[in-house]
Amino acid sequence: MKRRDFLLSIASLSVLTQRLYANALPATGIVLDEGYLQHQISPAHPESPARYRAIQQGLERAEWASALTRLSPQPLSATESWLSTVHSAEHIAAIRQDKTTFNNALLATAGCLAAVDAVMQAKVRNAFCSSRPPGHHATNTGQEEGFCYFNHIAVAARYAQQHYDVAKVLIIDWDYHHGNGTEWAFYRDPSVLFFSTHDQFAYPGTGSPSRKGEGPGKGFNINVHLGCGCDDETMLAAFETHLRPALAKFKPELILISAGFDSRKDDLLGCYEVSDEGFYQLTRWVMTIAEQYCEGRVVSLLEGGYNIQGNSRAVLSHLQALSQT
């Protein structure tokens, strides 16, 4: 064999090996931990351990779920220092006064950072965190806000930027409620594009489309108000109309999703009509842009969703979409 033909054969083999490796790469990671059953604000509170338990049970019944790669949260000791990339020392100290709550909330952050690790290290293509309590309302008040204590997704964005040198992060929030804490964290920051669909007249009463960021962050905060009755078509149209045009210029290197399923039909705290199929299609839309801009890197984490069985079914639709190549 001539040297040139030999080199071409080696090059072809290398390309084939890369393709086989990509196909062999587990499609989706899922963060699970029994510690997510521990947090409870009060016995009748809608943000309850039953949310996590129903997801567990749904996964046990779904045959395709056996292909998911189980991920565990980072050690809390490795996670705690990252809280200060978003939260003040005073806020952290105030939450720490209740050690059990502090550890439960920190465990949710730890799960999110473990998912970022797995995706950035190419151990999985994408990942979902079935963690609780949620986080996208948390700012620096020193107390629980909207069932949230630490803003896990904001910390995850800073972690990706500082630990993996990710320059641009897109955060998508499809929770029924506006992610005011995430907006607060990045309102002046052009390195994070925050896109939120929500009912601006629901809790916490924020999320006006007129708020577009300020200073260097102007134009990097996109709020889309969708009123009661918002369905699959309306939600997808909002993404297509308001987010897609911003992506060509921003070109994210990582996509994070605040996956709130209180935007699903029949939720206790929402008034939308998004179906499980709608979440499947929405997830596939996000995956398409992830393939276009950031090699498919997506990390999603559970925010709201208070119809226990409905939340579980929506999560499974989301996961099924994530796990299909």
C-alpha atoms as a PDB file:
ATOM      1  CA  MET A   1       0.000   0.000   0.000  1.00  0.00           C
ATOM      2  CA  LYS A   2       1.301   3.426  -0.935  1.00  0.00           C
ATOM      3  CA  ARG A   3       2.002   5.847   1.889  1.00  0.00           C
ATOM      4  CA  ARG A   4      -0.706   8.252   0.681  1.00  0.00           C
ATOM      5  CA  ASP A   5      -3.329   5.462   0.579  1.00  0.00           C
ATOM      6  CA  PHE A   6      -2.212   4.264   4.000  1.00  0.00           C
ATOM      7  CA  LEU A   7      -2.638   7.750   5.505  1.00  0.00           C
ATOM      8  CA  LEU A   8      -6.060   8.101   3.899  1.00  0.00           C
ATOM      9  CA  SER A   9      -7.076   4.751   5.374  1.00  0.00           C
ATOM     10  CA  ILE A  10      -5.917   5.836   8.834  1.00  0.00           C
ATOM     11  CA  ALA A  11      -7.848   9.115   8.485  1.00  0.00           C
ATOM     12  CA  SER A  12     -10.985   7.258   7.420  1.00  0.00           C
ATOM     13  CA  LEU A  13     -10.628   4.861  10.343  1.00  0.00           C
ATOM     14  CA  SER A  14     -10.282   7.806  12.722  1.00  0.00           C
ATOM     15  CA  VAL A  15     -13.481   9.388  11.411  1.00  0.00           C
ATOM     16  CA  LEU A  16     -15.301   6.042  11.694  1.00  0.00           C
ATOM     17  CA  THR A  17     -14.030   5.581  15.246  1.00  0.00           C
ATOM     18  CA  GLN A  18     -15.275   9.045  16.210  1.00  0.00           C
ATOM     19  CA  ARG A  19     -18.700   8.287  14.743  1.00  0.00           C
ATOM     20  CA  LEU A  20     -18.908   4.964  16.540  1.00  0.00           C
ATOM     21  CA  TYR A  21     -17.878   6.627  19.804  1.00  0.00           C
ATOM     22  CA  ALA A  22     -20.527   9.318  19.341  1.00  0.00           C
ATOM     23  CA  ASN A  23     -23.167   6.664  18.722  1.00  0.00           C
ATOM     24  CA  ALA A  24     -21.985   4.700  21.749  1.00  0.00           C
ATOM     25  CA  LEU A  25     -22.066   7.727  24.019  1.00  0.00           C
ATOM     26  CA  PRO A  26     -24.992   7.413  26.444  1.00  0.00           C
ATOM     27  CA  ALA A  27     -27.599   9.861  25.184  1.00  0.00           C
ATOM     28  CA  THR A  28     -28.950  11.215  28.443  1.00  0.00           C
ATOM     29  CA  GLY A  29     -27.876  11.390  32.057  1.00  0.00           C
ATOM     30  CA  ILE A  30     -30.326  11.679  34.929  1.00  0.00           C
ATOM     31  CA  VAL A  31     -29.470  12.965  38.379  1.00  0.00           C
ATOM     32  CA  LEU A  32     -31.221  10.936  41.065  1.00  0.00           C
ATOM     33  CA  ASP A  33     -30.681  10.901  44.812  1.00  0.00           C
ATOM     34  CA  GLU A  34     -32.776   9.729  47.744  1.00  0.00           C
ATOM     35  CA  GLY A  35     -31.892  13.002  49.444  1.00  0.00           C
ATOM     36  CA  TYR A  36     -34.390  14.719  47.143  1.00  0.00           C
ATOM     37  CA  LEU A  37     -37.127  13.082  49.203  1.00  0.00           C
ATOM     38  CA  GLN A  38     -36.041  14.813  52.404  1.00  0.00           C
ATOM     39  CA  HIS A  39     -37.112  18.431  51.897  1.00  0.00           C
ATOM     40  CA  GLN A  40     -40.596  19.392  53.109  1.00  0.00           C
ATOM     41  CA  ILE A  41     -41.779  22.917  53.888  1.00  0.00           C
ATOM     42  CA  SER A  42     -45.016  21.711  55.509  1.00  0.00           C
ATOM     43  CA  PRO A  43     -47.173  18.560  55.311  1.00  0.00           C
ATOM     44  CA  ALA A  44     -49.701  19.918  52.800  1.00  0.00           C
ATOM     45  CA  HIS A  45     -47.259  22.034  50.770  1.00  0.00           C
ATOM     46  CA  PRO A  46     -47.482  21.559  46.972  1.00  0.00           C
ATOM     47  CA  GLU A  47     -43.672  21.406  46.634  1.00  0.00           C
ATOM     48  CA  SER A  48     -43.562  17.995  48.278  1.00  0.00           C
ATOM     49  CA  PRO A  49     -41.447  14.821  48.249  1.00  0.00           C
ATOM     50  CA  ALA A  50     -44.272  13.197  46.273  1.00  0.00           C
ATOM     51  CA  ARG A  51     -43.052  15.128  43.218  1.00  0.00           C
ATOM     52  CA  TYR A  52     -39.760  13.245  43.225  1.00  0.00           C
ATOM     53  CA  ARG A  53     -41.311   9.918  44.221  1.00  0.00           C
ATOM     54  CA  ALA A  54     -43.738  10.014  41.281  1.00  0.00           C
ATOM     55  CA  ILE A  55     -40.859  10.654  38.871  1.00  0.00           C
ATOM     56  CA  GLN A  56     -39.013   7.654  40.332  1.00  0.00           C
ATOM     57  CA  GLN A  57     -42.065   5.454  39.887  1.00  0.00           C
ATOM     58  CA  GLY A  58     -42.600   6.664  36.332  1.00  0.00           C
ATOM     59  CA  LEU A  59     -39.006   5.829  35.448  1.00  0.00           C
ATOM     60  CA  GLU A  60     -39.380   2.344  36.914  1.00  0.00           C
ATOM     61  CA  ARG A  61     -42.368   1.681  34.633  1.00  0.00           C
ATOM     62  CA  ALA A  62     -40.762   3.084  31.446  1.00  0.00           C
ATOM     63  CA  GLU A  63     -38.746   0.408  29.641  1.00  0.00           C
ATOM     64  CA  TRP A  64     -36.756   2.970  27.652  1.00  0.00           C
ATOM     65  CA  ALA A  65     -35.588   4.622  30.888  1.00  0.00           C
ATOM     66  CA  SER A  66     -33.157   1.757  31.525  1.00  0.00           C
ATOM     67  CA  ALA A  67     -30.910   3.313  28.858  1.00  0.00           C
ATOM     68  CA  LEU A  68     -30.496   6.513  30.880  1.00  0.00           C
ATOM     69  CA  THR A  69     -27.162   7.023  32.621  1.00  0.00           C
ATOM     70  CA  ARG A  70     -27.607   7.596  36.323  1.00  0.00           C
ATOM     71  CA  LEU A  71     -25.653  10.512  37.761  1.00  0.00           C
ATOM     72  CA  SER A  72     -25.118  11.392  41.416  1.00  0.00           C
ATOM     73  CA  PRO A  73     -24.803  14.888  42.874  1.00  0.00           C
ATOM     74  CA  GLN A  74     -21.378  16.285  43.598  1.00  0.00           C
ATOM     75  CA  PRO A  75     -20.229  16.067  47.238  1.00  0.00           C
ATOM     76  CA  LEU A  76     -21.729  19.002  49.105  1.00  0.00           C
ATOM     77  CA  SER A  77     -18.256  20.081  50.182  1.00  0.00           C
ATOM     78  CA  ALA A  78     -17.266  20.526  46.531  1.00  0.00           C
ATOM     79  CA  THR A  79     -20.423  22.475  45.710  1.00  0.00           C
ATOM     80  CA  GLU A  80     -20.762  24.927  48.579  1.00  0.00           C
ATOM     81  CA  SER A  81     -18.062  27.362  47.451  1.00  0.00           C
ATOM     82  CA  TRP A  82     -19.828  27.825  44.106  1.00  0.00           C
ATOM     83  CA  LEU A  83     -22.882  29.359  45.789  1.00  0.00           C
ATOM     84  CA  SER A  84     -20.923  32.588  46.227  1.00  0.00           C
ATOM     85  CA  THR A  85     -20.676  33.057  42.458  1.00  0.00           C
ATOM     86  CA  VAL A  86     -24.349  34.096  42.635  1.00  0.00           C
ATOM     87  CA  HIS A  87     -25.359  34.581  46.269  1.00  0.00           C
ATOM     88  CA  SER A  88     -24.050  36.915  48.957  1.00  0.00           C
ATOM     89  CA  ALA A  89     -22.393  35.650  52.128  1.00  0.00           C
ATOM     90  CA  GLU A  90     -25.336  37.094  54.072  1.00  0.00           C
ATOM     91  CA  HIS A  91     -27.891  35.124  52.057  1.00  0.00           C
ATOM     92  CA  ILE A  92     -25.947  31.884  52.393  1.00  0.00           C
ATOM     93  CA  ALA A  93     -25.500  32.409  56.144  1.00  0.00           C
ATOM     94  CA  ALA A  94     -29.225  33.098  56.591  1.00  0.00           C
ATOM     95  CA  ILE A  95     -30.241  29.893  54.800  1.00  0.00           C
ATOM     96  CA  ARG A  96     -27.604  27.978  56.769  1.00  0.00           C
ATOM     97  CA  GLN A  97     -29.418  28.787  60.021  1.00  0.00           C
ATOM     98  CA  ASP A  98     -31.659  25.817  59.234  1.00  0.00           C
ATOM     99  CA  LYS A  99     -28.989  23.204  58.550  1.00  0.00           C
ATOM    100  CA  THR A 100     -31.409  20.617  57.178  1.00  0.00           C
ATOM    101  CA  THR A 101     -32.919  23.028  54.666  1.00  0.00           C
ATOM    102  CA  PHE A 102     -29.462  24.314  53.760  1.00  0.00           C
ATOM    103  CA  ASN A 103     -28.213  20.801  52.971  1.00  0.00           C
ATOM    104  CA  ASN A 104     -31.356  19.882  51.051  1.00  0.00           C
ATOM    105  CA  ALA A 105     -31.110  22.989  48.874  1.00  0.00           C
ATOM    106  CA  LEU A 106     -27.368  22.548  48.419  1.00  0.00           C
ATOM    107  CA  LEU A 107     -27.957  18.956  47.286  1.00  0.00           C
ATOM    108  CA  ALA A 108     -30.120  20.272  44.460  1.00  0.00           C
ATOM    109  CA  THR A 109     -27.315  22.620  43.399  1.00  0.00           C
ATOM    110  CA  ALA A 110     -24.862  19.732  43.665  1.00  0.00           C
ATOM    111  CA  GLY A 111     -26.980  17.667  41.287  1.00  0.00           C
ATOM    112  CA  CYS A 112     -27.047  20.437  38.735  1.00  0.00           C
ATOM    113  CA  LEU A 113     -23.260  20.874  38.834  1.00  0.00           C
ATOM    114  CA  ALA A 114     -22.777  17.124  38.461  1.00  0.00           C
ATOM    115  CA  ALA A 115     -24.940  17.252  35.332  1.00  0.00           C
ATOM    116  CA  VAL A 116     -22.812  20.091  33.946  1.00  0.00           C
ATOM    117  CA  ASP A 117     -19.699  17.998  34.639  1.00  0.00           C
ATOM    118  CA  ALA A 118     -21.111  14.978  32.819  1.00  0.00           C
ATOM    119  CA  VAL A 119     -22.146  16.988  29.756  1.00  0.00           C
ATOM    120  CA  MET A 120     -19.005  19.113  29.535  1.00  0.00           C
ATOM    121  CA  GLN A 121     -16.802  16.034  29.947  1.00  0.00           C
ATOM    122  CA  ALA A 122     -18.790  14.241  27.195  1.00  0.00           C
ATOM    123  CA  LYS A 123     -19.848  11.422  29.502  1.00  0.00           C
ATOM    124  CA  VAL A 124     -23.422  12.033  28.285  1.00  0.00           C
ATOM    125  CA  ARG A 125     -24.870  14.126  25.482  1.00  0.00           C
ATOM    126  CA  ASN A 126     -27.363  15.879  27.747  1.00  0.00           C
ATOM    127  CA  ALA A 127     -28.750  15.527  31.262  1.00  0.00           C
ATOM    128  CA  PHE A 128     -31.797  16.120  33.434  1.00  0.00           C
ATOM    129  CA  CYS A 129     -31.775  16.785  37.184  1.00  0.00           C
ATOM    130  CA  SER A 130     -34.841  15.451  38.995  1.00  0.00           C
ATOM    131  CA  SER A 131     -33.840  17.618  41.933  1.00  0.00           C
ATOM    132  CA  ARG A 132     -35.815  19.604  44.452  1.00  0.00           C
ATOM    133  CA  PRO A 133     -36.356  22.153  45.940  1.00  0.00           C
ATOM    134  CA  PRO A 134     -36.464  24.382  42.836  1.00  0.00           C
ATOM    135  CA  GLY A 135     -34.302  27.481  42.511  1.00  0.00           C
ATOM    136  CA  HIS A 136     -35.191  30.042  39.863  1.00  0.00           C
ATOM    137  CA  HIS A 137     -36.871  32.518  42.247  1.00  0.00           C
ATOM    138  CA  ALA A 138     -33.915  32.719  44.656  1.00  0.00           C
ATOM    139  CA  THR A 139     -32.077  36.036  44.927  1.00  0.00           C
ATOM    140  CA  ASN A 140     -30.343  37.427  48.016  1.00  0.00           C
ATOM    141  CA  THR A 141     -33.169  38.021  50.475  1.00  0.00           C
ATOM    142  CA  GLY A 142     -31.851  35.526  53.015  1.00  0.00           C
ATOM    143  CA  GLN A 143     -35.078  33.529  52.920  1.00  0.00           C
ATOM    144  CA  GLU A 144     -37.140  31.153  50.830  1.00  0.00           C
ATOM    145  CA  GLU A 145     -38.703  32.768  47.748  1.00  0.00           C
ATOM    146  CA  GLY A 146     -41.302  30.847  45.761  1.00  0.00           C
ATOM    147  CA  PHE A 147     -40.143  27.553  47.348  1.00  0.00           C
ATOM    148  CA  CYS A 148     -36.531  28.385  46.332  1.00  0.00           C
ATOM    149  CA  TYR A 149     -33.401  28.898  48.460  1.00  0.00           C
ATOM    150  CA  PHE A 150     -30.438  28.801  46.056  1.00  0.00           C
ATOM    151  CA  ASN A 151     -30.588  29.586  42.362  1.00  0.00           C
ATOM    152  CA  HIS A 152     -29.237  26.294  41.047  1.00  0.00           C
ATOM    153  CA  ILE A 153     -29.361  27.193  37.370  1.00  0.00           C
ATOM    154  CA  ALA A 154     -27.595  30.515  37.888  1.00  0.00           C
ATOM    155  CA  VAL A 155     -24.853  28.791  39.886  1.00  0.00           C
ATOM    156  CA  ALA A 156     -24.594  26.147  37.148  1.00  0.00           C
ATOM    157  CA  ALA A 157     -24.091  28.857  34.526  1.00  0.00           C
ATOM    158  CA  ARG A 158     -21.283  30.443  36.536  1.00  0.00           C
ATOM    159  CA  TYR A 159     -19.793  27.018  37.182  1.00  0.00           C
ATOM    160  CA  ALA A 160     -19.732  26.223  33.464  1.00  0.00           C
ATOM    161  CA  GLN A 161     -18.162  29.580  32.691  1.00  0.00           C
ATOM    162  CA  GLN A 162     -15.490  29.496  35.380  1.00  0.00           C
ATOM    163  CA  HIS A 163     -14.739  25.767  35.554  1.00  0.00           C
ATOM    164  CA  TYR A 164     -15.029  24.905  31.843  1.00  0.00           C
ATOM    165  CA  ASP A 165     -14.355  28.274  30.177  1.00  0.00           C
ATOM    166  CA  VAL A 166     -17.766  28.355  28.535  1.00  0.00           C
ATOM    167  CA  ALA A 167     -18.090  31.862  27.128  1.00  0.00           C
ATOM    168  CA  LYS A 168     -21.828  32.011  26.390  1.00  0.00           C
ATOM    169  CA  VAL A 169     -24.689  30.271  28.195  1.00  0.00           C
ATOM    170  CA  LEU A 170     -28.320  30.236  27.103  1.00  0.00           C
ATOM    171  CA  ILE A 171     -30.835  29.755  29.922  1.00  0.00           C
ATOM    172  CA  ILE A 172     -34.351  28.761  28.862  1.00  0.00           C
ATOM    173  CA  ASP A 173     -37.121  28.941  31.459  1.00  0.00           C
ATOM    174  CA  TRP A 174     -40.534  27.532  30.492  1.00  0.00           C
ATOM    175  CA  ASP A 175     -41.955  27.467  34.016  1.00  0.00           C
ATOM    176  CA  TYR A 176     -45.395  29.025  34.375  1.00  0.00           C
ATOM    177  CA  HIS A 177     -43.852  31.502  36.827  1.00  0.00           C
ATOM    178  CA  HIS A 178     -41.208  34.018  35.844  1.00  0.00           C
ATOM    179  CA  GLY A 179     -37.653  33.145  36.884  1.00  0.00           C
ATOM    180  CA  ASN A 180     -37.077  36.484  38.582  1.00  0.00           C
ATOM    181  CA  GLY A 181     -34.002  35.196  40.414  1.00  0.00           C
ATOM    182  CA  THR A 182     -32.313  34.150  37.192  1.00  0.00           C
ATOM    183  CA  GLU A 183     -33.152  37.482  35.575  1.00  0.00           C
ATOM    184  CA  TRP A 184     -31.707  39.244  38.629  1.00  0.00           C
ATOM    185  CA  ALA A 185     -28.469  37.253  38.452  1.00  0.00           C
ATOM    186  CA  PHE A 186     -27.694  38.106  34.823  1.00  0.00           C
ATOM    187  CA  TYR A 187     -29.557  41.336  34.053  1.00  0.00           C
ATOM    188  CA  ARG A 188     -26.351  43.226  33.244  1.00  0.00           C
ATOM    189  CA  ASP A 189     -24.439  40.269  31.819  1.00  0.00           C
ATOM    190  CA  PRO A 190     -24.021  39.802  28.038  1.00  0.00           C
ATOM    191  CA  SER A 191     -22.462  36.342  28.506  1.00  0.00           C
ATOM    192  CA  VAL A 192     -25.820  34.815  29.548  1.00  0.00           C
ATOM    193  CA  LEU A 193     -28.914  35.023  27.365  1.00  0.00           C
ATOM    194  CA  PHE A 194     -31.991  34.511  29.543  1.00  0.00           C
ATOM    195  CA  PHE A 195     -35.200  33.538  27.752  1.00  0.00           C
ATOM    196  CA  SER A 196     -38.381  33.085  29.785  1.00  0.00           C
ATOM    197  CA  THR A 197     -41.974  32.271  28.859  1.00  0.00           C
ATOM    198  CA  HIS A 198     -44.406  32.808  31.747  1.00  0.00           C
ATOM    199  CA  ASP A 199     -47.542  34.503  33.005  1.00  0.00           C
ATOM    200  CA  GLN A 200     -46.243  37.859  34.227  1.00  0.00           C
ATOM    201  CA  PHE A 201     -49.358  38.415  36.355  1.00  0.00           C
ATOM    202  CA  ALA A 202     -48.801  35.262  38.404  1.00  0.00           C
ATOM    203  CA  TYR A 203     -46.277  34.996  41.268  1.00  0.00           C
ATOM    204  CA  PRO A 204     -43.905  36.809  41.633  1.00  0.00           C
ATOM    205  CA  GLY A 205     -45.486  39.505  39.438  1.00  0.00           C
ATOM    206  CA  THR A 206     -42.333  40.104  37.412  1.00  0.00           C
ATOM    207  CA  GLY A 207     -41.288  39.319  33.864  1.00  0.00           C
ATOM    208  CA  SER A 208     -42.521  42.271  31.840  1.00  0.00           C
ATOM    209  CA  PRO A 209     -41.449  42.026  28.178  1.00  0.00           C
ATOM    210  CA  SER A 210     -40.180  45.608  28.557  1.00  0.00           C
ATOM    211  CA  ARG A 211     -37.336  44.322  30.749  1.00  0.00           C
ATOM    212  CA  LYS A 212     -34.597  43.533  28.261  1.00  0.00           C
ATOM    213  CA  GLY A 213     -31.470  43.875  30.394  1.00  0.00           C
ATOM    214  CA  GLU A 214     -29.403  46.932  31.147  1.00  0.00           C
ATOM    215  CA  GLY A 215     -25.906  48.247  30.572  1.00  0.00           C
ATOM    216  CA  PRO A 216     -23.765  45.630  28.818  1.00  0.00           C
ATOM    217  CA  GLY A 217     -26.593  43.119  29.311  1.00  0.00           C
ATOM    218  CA  LYS A 218     -29.149  45.081  27.328  1.00  0.00           C
ATOM    219  CA  GLY A 219     -30.842  42.817  24.798  1.00  0.00           C
ATOM    220  CA  PHE A 220     -29.808  39.623  26.586  1.00  0.00           C
ATOM    221  CA  ASN A 221     -32.964  39.299  28.712  1.00  0.00           C
ATOM    222  CA  ILE A 222     -36.034  38.129  26.791  1.00  0.00           C
ATOM    223  CA  ASN A 223     -39.343  37.907  28.659  1.00  0.00           C
ATOM    224  CA  VAL A 224     -42.409  36.574  26.846  1.00  0.00           C
ATOM    225  CA  HIS A 225     -45.747  36.915  28.615  1.00  0.00           C
ATOM    226  CA  LEU A 226     -48.247  34.181  27.744  1.00  0.00           C
ATOM    227  CA  GLY A 227     -51.689  34.390  29.300  1.00  0.00           C
ATOM    228  CA  CYS A 228     -53.995  31.703  30.664  1.00  0.00           C
ATOM    229  CA  GLY A 229     -54.876  29.042  28.134  1.00  0.00           C
ATOM    230  CA  CYS A 230     -51.429  28.981  26.532  1.00  0.00           C
ATOM    231  CA  ASP A 231     -51.220  25.686  24.633  1.00  0.00           C
ATOM    232  CA  ASP A 232     -48.596  23.692  22.732  1.00  0.00           C
ATOM    233  CA  GLU A 233     -48.851  25.768  19.572  1.00  0.00           C
ATOM    234  CA  THR A 234     -48.661  29.083  21.434  1.00  0.00           C
ATOM    235  CA  MET A 235     -45.640  28.001  23.463  1.00  0.00           C
ATOM    236  CA  LEU A 236     -43.705  26.693  20.469  1.00  0.00           C
ATOM    237  CA  ALA A 237     -44.537  29.815  18.485  1.00  0.00           C
ATOM    238  CA  ALA A 238     -43.113  31.973  21.276  1.00  0.00           C
ATOM    239  CA  PHE A 239     -39.815  30.100  21.070  1.00  0.00           C
ATOM    240  CA  GLU A 240     -39.710  30.337  17.302  1.00  0.00           C
ATOM    241  CA  THR A 241     -40.659  34.013  17.190  1.00  0.00           C
ATOM    242  CA  HIS A 242     -38.702  35.425  20.116  1.00  0.00           C
ATOM    243  CA  LEU A 243     -35.755  33.105  20.771  1.00  0.00           C
ATOM    244  CA  ARG A 244     -34.622  31.821  17.407  1.00  0.00           C
ATOM    245  CA  PRO A 245     -33.749  35.271  15.985  1.00  0.00           C
ATOM    246  CA  ALA A 246     -31.497  35.987  18.986  1.00  0.00           C
ATOM    247  CA  LEU A 247     -29.521  32.764  18.624  1.00  0.00           C
ATOM    248  CA  ALA A 248     -27.735  33.499  15.372  1.00  0.00           C
ATOM    249  CA  LYS A 249     -25.968  36.417  17.015  1.00  0.00           C
ATOM    250  CA  PHE A 250     -25.505  34.933  20.494  1.00  0.00           C
ATOM    251  CA  LYS A 251     -24.352  31.408  19.513  1.00  0.00           C
ATOM    252  CA  PRO A 252     -24.548  29.645  22.899  1.00  0.00           C
ATOM    253  CA  GLU A 253     -21.910  27.121  23.911  1.00  0.00           C
ATOM    254  CA  LEU A 254     -24.160  25.471  26.516  1.00  0.00           C
ATOM    255  CA  ILE A 255     -27.926  25.437  27.042  1.00  0.00           C
ATOM    256  CA  LEU A 256     -29.473  25.211  30.500  1.00  0.00           C
ATOM    257  CA  ILE A 257     -33.221  24.664  30.969  1.00  0.00           C
ATOM    258  CA  SER A 258     -35.309  25.664  33.972  1.00  0.00           C
ATOM    259  CA  ALA A 259     -37.839  22.928  33.250  1.00  0.00           C
ATOM    260  CA  GLY A 260     -40.926  23.992  35.160  1.00  0.00           C
ATOM    261  CA  PHE A 261     -43.870  21.734  34.451  1.00  0.00           C
ATOM    262  CA  ASP A 262     -46.421  23.914  36.217  1.00  0.00           C
ATOM    263  CA  SER A 263     -46.935  25.203  32.673  1.00  0.00           C
ATOM    264  CA  ARG A 264     -48.557  21.823  31.970  1.00  0.00           C
ATOM    265  CA  LYS A 265     -52.334  21.499  31.752  1.00  0.00           C
ATOM    266  CA  ASP A 266     -54.184  20.792  35.017  1.00  0.00           C
ATOM    267  CA  ASP A 267     -51.431  22.126  37.259  1.00  0.00           C
ATOM    268  CA  LEU A 268     -52.440  23.268  40.743  1.00  0.00           C
ATOM    269  CA  LEU A 269     -50.634  26.608  40.472  1.00  0.00           C
ATOM    270  CA  GLY A 270     -50.898  27.390  36.768  1.00  0.00           C
ATOM    271  CA  CYS A 271     -53.514  27.984  34.081  1.00  0.00           C
ATOM    272  CA  TYR A 272     -51.752  26.819  30.911  1.00  0.00           C
ATOM    273  CA  GLU A 273     -52.807  23.970  28.621  1.00  0.00           C
ATOM    274  CA  VAL A 274     -49.438  22.612  27.479  1.00  0.00           C
ATOM    275  CA  SER A 275     -49.626  18.833  26.962  1.00  0.00           C
ATOM    276  CA  ASP A 276     -47.029  16.127  27.521  1.00  0.00           C
ATOM    277  CA  GLU A 277     -46.618  15.941  23.753  1.00  0.00           C
ATOM    278  CA  GLY A 278     -46.072  19.700  23.799  1.00  0.00           C
ATOM    279  CA  PHE A 279     -43.145  19.291  26.189  1.00  0.00           C
ATOM    280  CA  TYR A 280     -41.762  16.560  23.958  1.00  0.00           C
ATOM    281  CA  GLN A 281     -41.889  18.862  20.932  1.00  0.00           C
ATOM    282  CA  LEU A 282     -40.491  21.797  22.911  1.00  0.00           C
ATOM    283  CA  THR A 283     -37.574  19.658  24.054  1.00  0.00           C
ATOM    284  CA  ARG A 284     -36.876  18.506  20.503  1.00  0.00           C
ATOM    285  CA  TRP A 285     -36.872  22.155  19.408  1.00  0.00           C
ATOM    286  CA  VAL A 286     -34.244  22.958  22.021  1.00  0.00           C
ATOM    287  CA  MET A 287     -32.200  19.922  21.017  1.00  0.00           C
ATOM    288  CA  THR A 288     -32.189  21.081  17.414  1.00  0.00           C
ATOM    289  CA  ILE A 289     -30.713  24.440  18.321  1.00  0.00           C
ATOM    290  CA  ALA A 290     -28.280  22.728  20.706  1.00  0.00           C
ATOM    291  CA  GLU A 291     -26.998  20.581  17.828  1.00  0.00           C
ATOM    292  CA  GLN A 292     -26.689  23.690  15.683  1.00  0.00           C
ATOM    293  CA  TYR A 293     -24.778  25.825  18.166  1.00  0.00           C
ATOM    294  CA  CYS A 294     -23.221  23.797  20.981  1.00  0.00           C
ATOM    295  CA  GLU A 295     -22.704  20.158  19.980  1.00  0.00           C
ATOM    296  CA  GLY A 296     -25.951  19.132  21.658  1.00  0.00           C
ATOM    297  CA  ARG A 297     -24.914  20.201  25.168  1.00  0.00           C
ATOM    298  CA  VAL A 298     -28.087  20.614  27.258  1.00  0.00           C
ATOM    299  CA  VAL A 299     -28.532  20.465  31.025  1.00  0.00           C
ATOM    300  CA  SER A 300     -32.115  20.593  32.293  1.00  0.00           C
ATOM    301  CA  LEU A 301     -33.354  20.783  35.862  1.00  0.00           C
ATOM    302  CA  LEU A 302     -36.724  20.486  37.502  1.00  0.00           C
ATOM    303  CA  GLU A 303     -38.348  23.707  38.684  1.00  0.00           C
ATOM    304  CA  GLY A 304     -42.122  23.848  39.258  1.00  0.00           C
ATOM    305  CA  GLY A 305     -44.841  21.282  38.574  1.00  0.00           C
ATOM    306  CA  TYR A 306     -47.435  20.577  41.267  1.00  0.00           C
ATOM    307  CA  ASN A 307     -49.900  18.120  39.778  1.00  0.00           C
ATOM    308  CA  ILE A 308     -47.972  15.105  41.072  1.00  0.00           C
ATOM    309  CA  GLN A 309     -48.825  12.607  38.337  1.00  0.00           C
ATOM    310  CA  GLY A 310     -49.011  15.264  35.640  1.00  0.00           C
ATOM    311  CA  ASN A 311     -45.553  16.537  36.559  1.00  0.00           C
ATOM    312  CA  SER A 312     -44.176  12.996  36.374  1.00  0.00           C
ATOM    313  CA  ARG A 313     -45.688  12.386  32.942  1.00  0.00           C
ATOM    314  CA  ALA A 314     -44.324  15.684  31.627  1.00  0.00           C
ATOM    315  CA  VAL A 315     -40.859  14.880  32.992  1.00  0.00           C
ATOM    316  CA  LEU A 316     -40.929  11.495  31.242  1.00  0.00           C
ATOM    317  CA  SER A 317     -41.935  13.140  27.943  1.00  0.00           C
ATOM    318  CA  HIS A 318     -39.062  15.605  28.376  1.00  0.00           C
ATOM    319  CA  LEU A 319     -36.614  12.797  29.142  1.00  0.00           C
ATOM    320  CA  GLN A 320     -37.809  10.651  26.253  1.00  0.00           C
ATOM    321  CA  ALA A 321     -37.210  13.558  23.895  1.00  0.00           C
ATOM    322  CA  LEU A 322     -33.744  14.203  25.352  1.00  0.00           C
ATOM    323  CA  SER A 323     -32.769  10.549  25.002  1.00  0.00           C
ATOM    324  CA  GLN A 324     -33.660  10.234  21.324  1.00  0.00           C
ATOM    325  CA  THR A 325     -30.854  11.042  18.901  1.00  0.00           C
END
